[in-house]
C-alpha atoms as a PDB file:
ATOM      1  CA  UNK A   1     -22.280  12.852 -22.083  1.00  0.00           C
ATOM      2  CA  UNK A   2     -20.342  10.647 -24.424  1.00  0.00           C
ATOM      3  CA  UNK A   3     -19.000   7.299 -23.496  1.00  0.00           C
ATOM      4  CA  UNK A   4     -15.392   8.463 -23.412  1.00  0.00           C
ATOM      5  CA  UNK A   5     -16.193  11.344 -21.109  1.00  0.00           C
ATOM      6  CA  UNK A   6     -18.044   9.022 -18.742  1.00  0.00           C
ATOM      7  CA  UNK A   7     -15.076   6.629 -18.615  1.00  0.00           C
ATOM      8  CA  UNK A   8     -12.699   9.551 -18.076  1.00  0.00           C
ATOM      9  CA  UNK A   9     -14.857  10.872 -15.229  1.00  0.00           C
ATOM     10  CA  UNK A  10     -15.090   7.406 -13.691  1.00  0.00           C
ATOM     11  CA  UNK A  11     -11.307   6.966 -13.911  1.00  0.00           C
ATOM     12  CA  UNK A  12     -10.706  10.378 -12.341  1.00  0.00           C
ATOM     13  CA  UNK A  13     -13.114   9.552  -9.529  1.00  0.00           C
ATOM     14  CA  UNK A  14     -11.508   6.153  -8.881  1.00  0.00           C
ATOM     15  CA  UNK A  15      -8.025   7.661  -8.994  1.00  0.00           C
ATOM     16  CA  UNK A  16      -8.854  10.438  -6.561  1.00  0.00           C
ATOM     17  CA  UNK A  17     -10.562   7.974  -4.215  1.00  0.00           C
ATOM     18  CA  UNK A  18      -7.527   5.697  -4.266  1.00  0.00           C
ATOM     19  CA  UNK A  19      -5.252   8.669  -3.611  1.00  0.00           C
ATOM     20  CA  UNK A  20      -7.280   9.731  -0.575  1.00  0.00           C
ATOM     21  CA  UNK A  21      -7.359   6.131   0.733  1.00  0.00           C
ATOM     22  CA  UNK A  22      -3.585   5.704   0.300  1.00  0.00           C
ATOM     23  CA  UNK A  23      -2.916   9.037   1.984  1.00  0.00           C
ATOM     24  CA  UNK A  24      -5.001   8.091   5.018  1.00  0.00           C
ATOM     25  CA  UNK A  25      -3.373   4.698   5.212  1.00  0.00           C
ATOM     26  CA  UNK A  26       0.131   6.203   5.118  1.00  0.00           C
ATOM     27  CA  UNK A  27      -0.863   8.794   7.712  1.00  0.00           C
ATOM     28  CA  UNK A  28      -2.040   6.049  10.113  1.00  0.00           C
ATOM     29  CA  UNK A  29       1.164   4.090   9.516  1.00  0.00           C
ATOM     30  CA  UNK A  30       3.293   7.173  10.157  1.00  0.00           C
ATOM     31  CA  UNK A  31       1.477   7.819  13.449  1.00  0.00           C
ATOM     32  CA  UNK A  32       2.043   4.225  14.560  1.00  0.00           C
ATOM     33  CA  UNK A  33       5.742   4.414  13.686  1.00  0.00           C
ATOM     34  CA  UNK A  34       6.145   7.660  15.600  1.00  0.00           C
ATOM     35  CA  UNK A  35       4.362   6.259  18.659  1.00  0.00           C
ATOM     36  CA  UNK A  36       6.521   3.117  18.754  1.00  0.00           C
ATOM     37  CA  UNK A  37       3.641   0.659  18.405  1.00  0.00           C
ATOM     38  CA  UNK A  38       5.239  -1.056  15.422  1.00  0.00           C
ATOM     39  CA  UNK A  39       7.816  -2.879  17.565  1.00  0.00           C
ATOM     40  CA  UNK A  40       5.116  -4.551  19.625  1.00  0.00           C
ATOM     41  CA  UNK A  41       3.206  -5.491  16.504  1.00  0.00           C
ATOM     42  CA  UNK A  42       6.305  -7.014  14.916  1.00  0.00           C
ATOM     43  CA  UNK A  43       6.933  -9.024  18.077  1.00  0.00           C
ATOM     44  CA  UNK A  44       3.361 -10.267  18.070  1.00  0.00           C
ATOM     45  CA  UNK A  45       3.614 -11.229  14.401  1.00  0.00           C
ATOM     46  CA  UNK A  46       6.847 -13.143  15.011  1.00  0.00           C
ATOM     47  CA  UNK A  47       5.304 -14.935  17.985  1.00  0.00           C
ATOM     48  CA  UNK A  48       2.219 -15.810  15.939  1.00  0.00           C
ATOM     49  CA  UNK A  49       4.415 -17.064  13.083  1.00  0.00           C
ATOM     50  CA  UNK A  50       6.469 -19.238  15.425  1.00  0.00           C
ATOM     51  CA  UNK A  51       3.347 -20.747  16.960  1.00  0.00           C
ATOM     52  CA  UNK A  52       1.870 -21.392  13.528  1.00  0.00           C
ATOM     53  CA  UNK A  53       5.095 -23.073  12.353  1.00  0.00           C
ATOM     54  CA  UNK A  54       5.180 -25.261  15.467  1.00  0.00           C
ATOM     55  CA  UNK A  55       1.584 -26.288  14.794  1.00  0.00           C
ATOM     56  CA  UNK A  56       2.431 -27.171  11.194  1.00  0.00           C
ATOM     57  CA  UNK A  57       5.380 -29.305  12.314  1.00  0.00           C
ATOM     58  CA  UNK A  58       3.287 -31.063  14.963  1.00  0.00           C
ATOM     59  CA  UNK A  59       0.518 -31.855  12.468  1.00  0.00           C
ATOM     60  CA  UNK A  60       3.077 -33.060   9.913  1.00  0.00           C
ATOM     61  CA  UNK A  61       4.681 -35.416  12.426  1.00  0.00           C
ATOM     62  CA  UNK A  62       1.262 -36.772  13.438  1.00  0.00           C
ATOM     63  CA  UNK A  63       0.308 -37.297   9.788  1.00  0.00           C
ATOM     64  CA  UNK A  64       3.618 -39.091   9.149  1.00  0.00           C
ATOM     65  CA  UNK A  65       3.121 -41.385  12.124  1.00  0.00           C
ATOM     66  CA  UNK A  66      -0.426 -42.162  11.062  1.00  0.00           C
ATOM     67  CA  UNK A  67       0.695 -42.935   7.489  1.00  0.00           C
ATOM     68  CA  UNK A  68       3.496 -45.191   8.775  1.00  0.00           C
ATOM     69  CA  UNK A  69       1.095 -47.106  11.026  1.00  0.00           C
ATOM     70  CA  UNK A  70      -1.401 -47.491   8.197  1.00  0.00           C
ATOM     71  CA  UNK A  71       1.310 -48.735   5.805  1.00  0.00           C
ATOM     72  CA  UNK A  72       2.653 -51.186   8.394  1.00  0.00           C
ATOM     73  CA  UNK A  73      -0.873 -52.562   8.819  1.00  0.00           C
ATOM     74  CA  UNK A  74      -1.260 -52.919   5.039  1.00  0.00           C
ATOM     75  CA  UNK A  75       2.063 -54.750   4.773  1.00  0.00           C
ATOM     76  CA  UNK A  76       1.092 -57.133   7.579  1.00  0.00           C
ATOM     77  CA  UNK A  77      -2.147 -57.911   5.707  1.00  0.00           C
ATOM     78  CA  UNK A  78      -0.214 -58.617   2.502  1.00  0.00           C
ATOM     79  CA  UNK A  79       2.269 -60.830   4.320  1.00  0.00           C
ATOM     80  CA  UNK A  80      -0.496 -63.008   5.744  1.00  0.00           C
ATOM     81  CA  UNK A  81      -0.643 -64.778   9.072  1.00  0.00           C
ATOM     82  CA  UNK A  82       2.644 -65.992  10.507  1.00  0.00           C
ATOM     83  CA  UNK A  83       2.999 -69.486  11.817  1.00  0.00           C
ATOM     84  CA  UNK A  84       3.389 -69.709  15.580  1.00  0.00           C
ATOM     85  CA  UNK A  85       6.005 -71.829  16.720  1.00  0.00           C
END
């Protein structure tokens, strides 16, 4: 078998495998759409996305507060002790 024939056979095999995989995947998706399960999945994805976004906002606010406290401490150190009086 020549090199070109081997590559052609390998390409044909990979192409047919990908075609079978895509067909099965589309068949599963079509069954889910027909059964109505997609709506529940979309709702779950939206809920998960909202929770993830809320977590990102919460962590961002905490990081901002921490950075502000750290910077205020640094500025107080640079300013030196204040006279009491």
